[in-house]
N, C-alpha and C. Protein backbone atom coordinates (compact mmCIF):
# COMPACT_ATOMS: atom_id res chain seq x y z
N MET A 1 -27.41 11.52 -3.23
CA MET A 1 -26.71 12.70 -3.83
C MET A 1 -27.60 13.67 -4.56
N THR A 2 -28.29 13.27 -5.42
CA THR A 2 -29.04 14.03 -6.27
C THR A 2 -30.30 14.73 -5.69
N ASP A 3 -30.57 14.36 -4.30
CA ASP A 3 -31.62 14.84 -3.71
C ASP A 3 -31.14 16.37 -3.49
N ALA A 4 -29.99 16.67 -3.12
CA ALA A 4 -29.53 18.06 -2.73
C ALA A 4 -28.90 18.77 -3.77
N VAL A 5 -29.06 18.23 -5.23
CA VAL A 5 -28.28 18.76 -6.26
C VAL A 5 -29.36 19.37 -7.25
N THR A 6 -29.18 20.65 -7.44
CA THR A 6 -30.33 21.40 -8.30
C THR A 6 -29.80 20.95 -9.68
N ALA A 7 -30.74 21.35 -10.74
CA ALA A 7 -30.62 20.89 -12.05
C ALA A 7 -29.29 21.60 -12.75
N SER A 8 -29.02 22.79 -12.28
CA SER A 8 -27.85 23.53 -12.88
C SER A 8 -26.62 22.92 -12.25
N THR A 9 -26.62 22.67 -10.89
CA THR A 9 -25.54 22.14 -10.26
C THR A 9 -25.16 20.62 -10.75
N ARG A 10 -26.25 19.91 -11.15
CA ARG A 10 -26.28 18.69 -11.64
C ARG A 10 -25.46 18.76 -13.14
N ASP A 11 -25.99 19.72 -13.82
CA ASP A 11 -25.31 19.81 -15.11
C ASP A 11 -23.94 20.28 -15.20
N GLU A 12 -23.57 21.08 -14.25
CA GLU A 12 -22.26 21.60 -14.06
C GLU A 12 -21.39 20.33 -13.59
N LEU A 13 -21.78 19.47 -12.72
CA LEU A 13 -21.19 18.17 -12.19
C LEU A 13 -20.89 17.28 -13.35
N VAL A 14 -22.03 16.95 -14.23
CA VAL A 14 -21.74 16.34 -15.37
C VAL A 14 -20.88 16.76 -16.34
N SER A 15 -20.78 18.02 -16.55
CA SER A 15 -19.77 18.62 -17.40
C SER A 15 -18.20 18.55 -16.75
N LEU A 16 -18.09 18.56 -15.35
CA LEU A 16 -16.75 18.46 -14.90
C LEU A 16 -16.38 16.91 -14.77
N LEU A 17 -17.28 16.07 -14.57
CA LEU A 17 -17.02 14.63 -14.67
C LEU A 17 -16.83 14.12 -15.97
N THR A 18 -17.44 14.68 -16.88
CA THR A 18 -17.56 14.46 -18.35
C THR A 18 -18.43 13.01 -18.56
N ILE A 19 -19.05 13.25 -19.69
CA ILE A 19 -20.22 12.10 -20.17
C ILE A 19 -19.26 10.95 -20.25
N GLU A 20 -18.07 10.83 -20.77
CA GLU A 20 -17.19 9.62 -20.94
C GLU A 20 -16.99 9.04 -19.56
N ARG A 21 -16.60 9.81 -18.68
CA ARG A 21 -16.44 9.11 -17.37
C ARG A 21 -17.62 8.63 -16.85
N LEU A 22 -18.72 9.34 -17.05
CA LEU A 22 -20.17 8.75 -16.68
C LEU A 22 -20.72 7.70 -17.51
N ALA A 23 -20.19 7.28 -18.52
CA ALA A 23 -20.74 6.49 -19.55
C ALA A 23 -21.12 5.18 -18.91
N PRO A 24 -20.21 4.46 -18.19
CA PRO A 24 -20.80 3.21 -17.58
C PRO A 24 -21.87 3.32 -16.59
N TYR A 25 -21.94 4.31 -15.96
CA TYR A 25 -23.13 4.75 -14.90
C TYR A 25 -24.44 4.88 -15.75
N LEU A 26 -24.03 5.64 -16.84
CA LEU A 26 -25.34 6.00 -17.67
C LEU A 26 -25.87 4.71 -18.29
N ARG A 27 -25.05 3.83 -18.83
CA ARG A 27 -25.40 2.51 -19.35
C ARG A 27 -26.30 1.73 -18.26
N GLU A 28 -25.65 1.79 -17.11
CA GLU A 28 -26.25 0.87 -16.04
C GLU A 28 -27.66 1.56 -15.65
N SER A 29 -27.79 2.87 -15.73
CA SER A 29 -28.98 3.58 -15.18
C SER A 29 -29.94 3.91 -16.44
N ASP A 30 -29.69 3.12 -17.52
CA ASP A 30 -30.63 3.33 -18.84
C ASP A 30 -30.64 4.83 -19.12
N GLY A 31 -29.57 5.61 -18.96
CA GLY A 31 -29.52 7.05 -19.44
C GLY A 31 -30.05 7.87 -18.40
N ASN A 32 -30.48 7.52 -17.20
CA ASN A 32 -31.00 8.45 -16.22
C ASN A 32 -29.95 9.04 -15.41
N ILE A 33 -29.64 10.48 -15.71
CA ILE A 33 -28.53 11.07 -15.26
C ILE A 33 -28.49 11.13 -13.68
N ASP A 34 -29.59 11.37 -13.23
CA ASP A 34 -29.69 11.43 -11.68
C ASP A 34 -29.22 9.96 -11.06
N LEU A 35 -29.89 8.93 -11.67
CA LEU A 35 -29.47 7.57 -11.02
C LEU A 35 -27.77 7.33 -11.34
N ALA A 36 -27.41 7.68 -12.54
CA ALA A 36 -25.90 7.49 -12.92
C ALA A 36 -25.18 8.25 -11.85
N LEU A 37 -25.50 9.49 -11.39
CA LEU A 37 -24.68 10.28 -10.52
C LEU A 37 -24.86 9.62 -9.08
N ASP A 38 -26.18 8.99 -8.79
CA ASP A 38 -26.12 8.33 -7.58
C ASP A 38 -25.09 6.99 -7.48
N LEU A 39 -25.04 6.28 -8.74
CA LEU A 39 -24.29 5.11 -8.84
C LEU A 39 -22.66 5.53 -8.64
N TYR A 40 -22.36 6.59 -9.34
CA TYR A 40 -21.09 7.21 -9.29
C TYR A 40 -20.68 7.56 -7.92
N SER A 41 -21.62 8.11 -7.15
CA SER A 41 -21.39 8.39 -5.69
C SER A 41 -21.24 7.32 -4.99
N TRP A 42 -22.12 6.34 -5.15
CA TRP A 42 -22.02 4.96 -4.42
C TRP A 42 -20.66 4.37 -4.63
N ASN A 43 -20.24 4.35 -6.02
CA ASN A 43 -18.96 3.75 -6.20
C ASN A 43 -17.81 4.44 -5.67
N ALA A 44 -17.83 5.77 -5.50
CA ALA A 44 -16.80 6.49 -4.86
C ALA A 44 -16.83 6.14 -3.34
N ALA A 45 -17.93 6.01 -2.91
CA ALA A 45 -17.88 5.63 -1.26
C ALA A 45 -17.34 4.32 -1.00
N ILE A 46 -17.74 3.34 -2.07
CA ILE A 46 -17.33 1.98 -1.85
C ILE A 46 -15.68 1.95 -2.06
N ALA A 47 -15.16 2.74 -2.86
CA ALA A 47 -13.82 2.80 -3.14
C ALA A 47 -13.17 3.40 -1.88
N ALA A 48 -13.60 4.46 -1.36
CA ALA A 48 -13.03 4.99 -0.12
C ALA A 48 -13.05 3.96 0.96
N ALA A 49 -14.31 3.30 1.13
CA ALA A 49 -14.24 2.38 2.20
C ALA A 49 -13.23 1.09 2.06
N SER A 50 -12.97 0.82 0.76
CA SER A 50 -12.05 -0.32 0.51
C SER A 50 -10.64 0.26 0.86
N MET A 51 -10.34 1.44 0.83
CA MET A 51 -8.99 1.99 1.24
C MET A 51 -8.72 1.82 2.67
N GLU A 52 -9.80 1.80 3.40
CA GLU A 52 -9.53 1.59 4.89
C GLU A 52 -9.18 0.01 5.12
N VAL A 53 -9.66 -0.82 4.43
CA VAL A 53 -9.34 -2.14 4.53
C VAL A 53 -7.84 -2.35 3.96
N VAL A 54 -7.55 -1.69 2.82
CA VAL A 54 -6.19 -1.88 2.28
C VAL A 54 -5.18 -1.24 3.30
N ALA A 55 -5.46 -0.33 4.13
CA ALA A 55 -4.61 0.44 5.05
C ALA A 55 -4.33 -0.57 6.10
N TYR A 56 -5.31 -1.31 6.63
CA TYR A 56 -5.23 -2.42 7.66
C TYR A 56 -4.22 -3.50 7.12
N ILE A 57 -4.58 -3.99 5.91
CA ILE A 57 -3.67 -5.06 5.39
C ILE A 57 -2.35 -4.67 5.20
N GLU A 58 -2.05 -3.33 4.77
CA GLU A 58 -0.67 -3.00 4.73
C GLU A 58 -0.02 -3.02 6.06
N VAL A 59 -0.51 -2.49 7.02
CA VAL A 59 0.12 -2.52 8.25
C VAL A 59 0.32 -3.95 8.90
N VAL A 60 -0.73 -4.71 8.75
CA VAL A 60 -0.56 -6.22 9.20
C VAL A 60 0.58 -6.90 8.47
N LEU A 61 0.59 -6.81 7.16
CA LEU A 61 1.45 -7.47 6.27
C LEU A 61 2.90 -6.92 6.54
N ARG A 62 3.06 -5.67 6.76
CA ARG A 62 4.27 -4.96 6.99
C ARG A 62 4.81 -5.46 8.25
N ASN A 63 4.07 -5.56 9.35
CA ASN A 63 4.56 -5.82 10.56
C ASN A 63 4.83 -7.34 10.65
N ALA A 64 4.05 -8.20 10.08
CA ALA A 64 4.50 -9.61 10.10
C ALA A 64 5.76 -9.85 9.33
N VAL A 65 5.95 -9.25 8.17
CA VAL A 65 7.27 -9.47 7.49
C VAL A 65 8.38 -8.76 8.30
N ASP A 66 8.21 -7.59 8.92
CA ASP A 66 9.25 -6.95 9.70
C ASP A 66 9.64 -8.05 10.91
N ARG A 67 8.67 -8.67 11.39
CA ARG A 67 8.72 -9.58 12.63
C ARG A 67 9.76 -10.68 12.23
N GLU A 68 9.37 -11.27 11.14
CA GLU A 68 10.03 -12.50 10.44
C GLU A 68 11.45 -12.09 10.11
N LEU A 69 11.52 -11.14 9.25
CA LEU A 69 12.97 -10.69 8.96
C LEU A 69 13.77 -10.28 10.16
N SER A 70 13.16 -9.67 11.33
CA SER A 70 13.79 -9.50 12.52
C SER A 70 14.42 -10.76 13.10
N ARG A 71 13.58 -11.70 12.95
CA ARG A 71 13.99 -13.12 13.68
C ARG A 71 15.10 -13.83 12.88
N TYR A 72 14.89 -13.70 11.67
CA TYR A 72 15.72 -14.29 10.53
C TYR A 72 17.04 -13.55 10.81
N ALA A 73 17.14 -12.37 10.89
CA ALA A 73 18.45 -11.61 11.11
C ALA A 73 18.97 -11.66 12.30
N HIS A 74 18.44 -12.29 13.37
CA HIS A 74 18.75 -12.28 14.80
C HIS A 74 19.06 -10.92 15.40
N GLU A 75 18.05 -10.05 15.12
CA GLU A 75 18.28 -8.78 15.62
C GLU A 75 18.53 -8.70 17.24
N GLU A 76 17.83 -9.53 17.76
CA GLU A 76 17.89 -9.46 19.28
C GLU A 76 19.45 -9.80 19.74
N GLN A 77 20.23 -10.70 19.07
CA GLN A 77 21.57 -10.78 19.23
C GLN A 77 22.50 -9.79 18.81
N ARG A 78 22.17 -9.51 17.42
CA ARG A 78 23.08 -8.59 16.71
C ARG A 78 23.06 -7.10 17.11
N LYS A 79 21.87 -6.70 17.60
CA LYS A 79 21.51 -5.27 17.99
C LYS A 79 21.49 -4.52 16.53
N LEU A 80 21.25 -5.14 15.69
CA LEU A 80 21.16 -4.39 14.15
C LEU A 80 19.99 -4.76 13.55
N PRO A 81 19.31 -3.69 13.01
CA PRO A 81 18.08 -4.10 12.43
C PRO A 81 18.36 -4.90 11.20
N TRP A 82 17.38 -5.85 10.54
CA TRP A 82 17.54 -6.64 9.58
C TRP A 82 17.83 -5.89 8.38
N PHE A 83 17.39 -4.65 8.23
CA PHE A 83 17.48 -3.94 6.97
C PHE A 83 18.96 -3.38 6.69
N LEU A 84 19.77 -3.59 7.74
CA LEU A 84 21.28 -3.08 7.80
C LEU A 84 22.14 -4.30 7.67
N VAL A 85 21.47 -5.50 7.58
CA VAL A 85 22.23 -6.83 7.50
C VAL A 85 22.69 -7.13 6.15
N PRO A 86 23.90 -7.13 5.83
CA PRO A 86 24.25 -7.48 4.44
C PRO A 86 23.70 -8.56 3.61
N SER A 87 23.52 -9.72 4.58
CA SER A 87 23.17 -10.97 3.93
C SER A 87 21.77 -10.78 3.58
N ILE A 88 21.01 -9.97 4.10
CA ILE A 88 19.58 -9.69 3.70
C ILE A 88 19.59 -8.67 2.52
N THR A 89 20.28 -7.61 2.57
CA THR A 89 20.12 -6.42 1.73
C THR A 89 21.41 -6.39 0.72
N GLY A 90 22.02 -7.44 0.61
CA GLY A 90 23.55 -7.49 -0.19
C GLY A 90 22.97 -7.40 -1.78
N ASP A 91 23.94 -7.85 -2.57
CA ASP A 91 23.90 -7.67 -3.98
C ASP A 91 22.61 -8.35 -4.46
N SER A 92 22.38 -9.60 -3.86
CA SER A 92 21.29 -10.29 -4.49
C SER A 92 19.93 -9.55 -4.17
N HIS A 93 19.89 -8.73 -3.32
CA HIS A 93 18.65 -8.05 -2.79
C HIS A 93 18.93 -6.44 -2.95
N ASP A 94 19.51 -5.93 -4.07
CA ASP A 94 19.82 -4.59 -4.13
C ASP A 94 18.61 -3.79 -4.11
N ALA A 95 17.66 -4.20 -4.52
CA ALA A 95 16.29 -3.28 -4.51
C ALA A 95 15.91 -3.10 -3.03
N ILE A 96 16.11 -3.96 -2.16
CA ILE A 96 15.82 -3.80 -0.80
C ILE A 96 16.62 -2.59 -0.29
N SER A 97 17.99 -2.82 -0.56
CA SER A 97 19.01 -1.74 -0.09
C SER A 97 18.57 -0.42 -0.49
N LYS A 98 18.30 -0.18 -1.85
CA LYS A 98 18.05 1.08 -2.47
C LYS A 98 16.75 1.60 -1.90
N SER A 99 15.66 0.73 -1.50
CA SER A 99 14.35 1.28 -0.92
C SER A 99 14.68 1.69 0.54
N ILE A 100 15.52 0.92 1.19
CA ILE A 100 15.68 1.29 2.62
C ILE A 100 16.38 2.70 2.56
N GLU A 101 17.56 2.85 1.70
CA GLU A 101 18.41 4.07 1.77
C GLU A 101 17.42 5.26 1.21
N ALA A 102 16.60 5.18 0.37
CA ALA A 102 15.83 6.16 -0.19
C ALA A 102 14.86 6.63 1.01
N THR A 103 14.34 5.67 1.74
CA THR A 103 13.34 5.91 2.81
C THR A 103 13.98 6.76 3.90
N ARG A 104 15.37 6.10 4.20
CA ARG A 104 16.06 6.89 5.36
C ARG A 104 16.49 8.31 4.99
N THR A 105 16.78 8.57 3.71
CA THR A 105 17.17 9.91 3.25
C THR A 105 15.87 10.84 3.40
N ARG A 106 14.90 10.24 2.81
CA ARG A 106 13.67 11.08 2.92
C ARG A 106 13.09 11.38 4.22
N LEU A 107 13.37 10.55 5.26
CA LEU A 107 12.94 10.77 6.55
C LEU A 107 13.90 11.62 7.22
N ARG A 108 15.30 11.55 6.91
CA ARG A 108 16.24 12.49 7.69
C ARG A 108 15.87 13.93 7.00
N GLY A 109 15.38 14.10 5.76
CA GLY A 109 15.16 15.41 5.28
C GLY A 109 13.93 16.12 5.95
N LEU A 110 13.04 15.17 6.57
CA LEU A 110 11.95 15.77 7.31
C LEU A 110 12.29 16.16 8.75
N SER A 111 13.17 15.44 9.33
CA SER A 111 13.55 15.71 10.69
C SER A 111 14.74 14.84 11.23
N ALA A 112 15.60 15.24 11.95
CA ALA A 112 16.59 14.50 12.48
C ALA A 112 16.19 13.37 13.37
N HIS A 113 14.91 13.45 13.69
CA HIS A 113 14.58 12.31 14.67
C HIS A 113 13.61 11.33 14.02
N ARG A 114 13.54 11.43 12.80
CA ARG A 114 12.47 10.50 12.13
C ARG A 114 13.28 9.37 11.45
N ASP A 115 14.62 9.10 11.70
CA ASP A 115 15.32 8.13 11.13
C ASP A 115 15.34 6.89 12.00
N SER A 116 14.47 6.70 12.91
CA SER A 116 14.38 5.59 13.74
C SER A 116 13.84 4.22 13.07
N ARG A 117 14.40 3.21 13.65
CA ARG A 117 13.88 1.79 13.06
C ARG A 117 12.26 1.91 12.74
N ASP A 118 11.63 2.29 13.76
CA ASP A 118 10.07 2.23 13.55
C ASP A 118 9.67 3.23 12.38
N GLN A 119 10.30 4.28 12.29
CA GLN A 119 9.97 5.29 11.12
C GLN A 119 10.29 4.66 9.90
N ILE A 120 11.50 4.00 9.79
CA ILE A 120 11.93 3.38 8.44
C ILE A 120 10.93 2.35 8.08
N ILE A 121 10.49 1.50 8.98
CA ILE A 121 9.65 0.29 8.75
C ILE A 121 8.29 0.91 8.14
N ALA A 122 7.76 2.02 8.95
CA ALA A 122 6.56 2.63 8.62
C ALA A 122 6.63 3.42 7.25
N GLY A 123 7.79 3.91 7.04
CA GLY A 123 7.96 4.85 5.82
C GLY A 123 8.14 3.98 4.35
N LEU A 124 8.44 2.73 4.59
CA LEU A 124 8.63 1.92 3.14
C LEU A 124 7.28 1.79 2.70
N SER A 125 7.20 1.64 1.44
CA SER A 125 5.86 1.61 0.64
C SER A 125 5.21 0.44 0.66
N PHE A 126 4.05 0.16 0.48
CA PHE A 126 3.21 -1.04 0.27
C PHE A 126 3.89 -1.76 -0.77
N GLY A 127 4.40 -1.13 -1.83
CA GLY A 127 5.13 -1.78 -3.04
C GLY A 127 6.23 -2.57 -2.61
N PHE A 128 7.08 -1.90 -1.65
CA PHE A 128 8.21 -2.50 -1.14
C PHE A 128 7.87 -3.81 -0.47
N TRP A 129 6.95 -3.85 0.41
CA TRP A 129 6.57 -5.07 1.24
C TRP A 129 6.22 -6.14 0.24
N THR A 130 5.15 -5.68 -0.63
CA THR A 130 4.77 -6.79 -1.52
C THR A 130 5.70 -7.33 -2.46
N GLU A 131 6.63 -6.44 -2.97
CA GLU A 131 7.74 -6.90 -3.78
C GLU A 131 8.61 -7.97 -3.25
N LEU A 132 8.79 -8.01 -1.91
CA LEU A 132 9.45 -9.07 -1.26
C LEU A 132 8.86 -10.35 -1.41
N PHE A 133 7.73 -10.60 -1.97
CA PHE A 133 7.01 -11.66 -2.10
C PHE A 133 7.25 -12.29 -3.65
N GLY A 134 8.10 -11.49 -4.21
CA GLY A 134 8.36 -11.84 -5.76
C GLY A 134 9.51 -13.02 -5.79
N SER A 135 9.59 -13.50 -7.03
CA SER A 135 10.58 -14.65 -7.30
C SER A 135 11.92 -14.19 -7.01
N LYS A 136 12.31 -12.97 -7.19
CA LYS A 136 13.83 -12.67 -6.91
C LYS A 136 14.17 -12.78 -5.42
N HIS A 137 13.23 -12.98 -4.67
CA HIS A 137 13.49 -12.94 -3.18
C HIS A 137 13.06 -14.37 -2.65
N GLU A 138 13.02 -15.31 -3.49
CA GLU A 138 12.55 -16.65 -3.03
C GLU A 138 13.50 -17.07 -1.92
N ASP A 139 14.64 -16.73 -1.85
CA ASP A 139 15.54 -17.22 -0.73
C ASP A 139 15.04 -16.66 0.57
N LEU A 140 14.57 -15.54 0.64
CA LEU A 140 13.91 -14.86 1.84
C LEU A 140 12.58 -15.51 2.14
N TRP A 141 11.90 -15.81 1.13
CA TRP A 141 10.51 -16.39 1.31
C TRP A 141 10.82 -17.78 2.09
N ARG A 142 11.72 -18.58 1.52
CA ARG A 142 11.84 -19.99 2.08
C ARG A 142 12.61 -19.83 3.57
N ALA A 143 13.45 -18.85 3.77
CA ALA A 143 14.00 -18.79 5.07
C ALA A 143 13.18 -18.07 6.18
N ALA A 144 12.27 -17.11 5.72
CA ALA A 144 11.60 -16.20 6.67
C ALA A 144 10.25 -15.81 6.36
N LEU A 145 10.12 -15.22 5.13
CA LEU A 145 8.76 -14.60 4.87
C LEU A 145 7.69 -15.50 4.90
N SER A 146 7.91 -16.89 4.48
CA SER A 146 6.70 -17.85 4.60
C SER A 146 6.20 -17.86 6.00
N ASN A 147 6.97 -17.60 6.95
CA ASN A 147 6.45 -17.61 8.43
C ASN A 147 5.54 -16.44 8.59
N ALA A 148 5.68 -15.28 7.73
CA ALA A 148 4.77 -14.11 8.05
C ALA A 148 3.22 -14.44 7.54
N LEU A 149 3.07 -15.48 6.68
CA LEU A 149 1.67 -15.91 6.23
C LEU A 149 1.46 -17.21 6.65
N PRO A 150 0.98 -17.54 7.95
CA PRO A 150 0.83 -18.95 8.31
C PRO A 150 0.04 -19.64 7.24
N GLY A 151 0.31 -20.91 7.18
CA GLY A 151 -0.51 -21.83 6.29
C GLY A 151 -0.10 -21.76 4.83
N THR A 152 0.89 -20.98 4.53
CA THR A 152 1.30 -20.88 3.20
C THR A 152 2.55 -21.91 3.00
N PRO A 153 2.70 -22.53 1.74
CA PRO A 153 3.86 -23.40 1.72
C PRO A 153 5.11 -22.78 1.70
N ALA A 154 6.19 -23.34 2.37
CA ALA A 154 7.52 -22.73 2.35
C ALA A 154 8.15 -23.07 1.07
């Protein structure tokens, strides 16, 4: 990074990032500002690369949970997606219902054609999917979700 950065550009960059933000990098580089900026740049690149892994994990987790909840709700026979089945989204799982409805509302606002099952599943946040593994959904874990993560105890 610092090879292409002039002294005045470097000083401006340090000013914009702030010395406080660069403090850990300056400590690690024994106060060498160029090395600190290189470390900062390296850290940003590693953080960006890790987001790619997180994106894959999110899709794989989401698809595994969706598959198992689909089986649990007998979607094939009912012809109704699991997220519309009251036994899954009823009172004991109110947060599920609210997240589903908020996602459907948001998707409908974007386009009349975006309220499909696949769009709803894809539109739910990573937080929604990970929340399903919390203790308040233990019944779903025992009945279906443990199957989404092979090798985990039911």
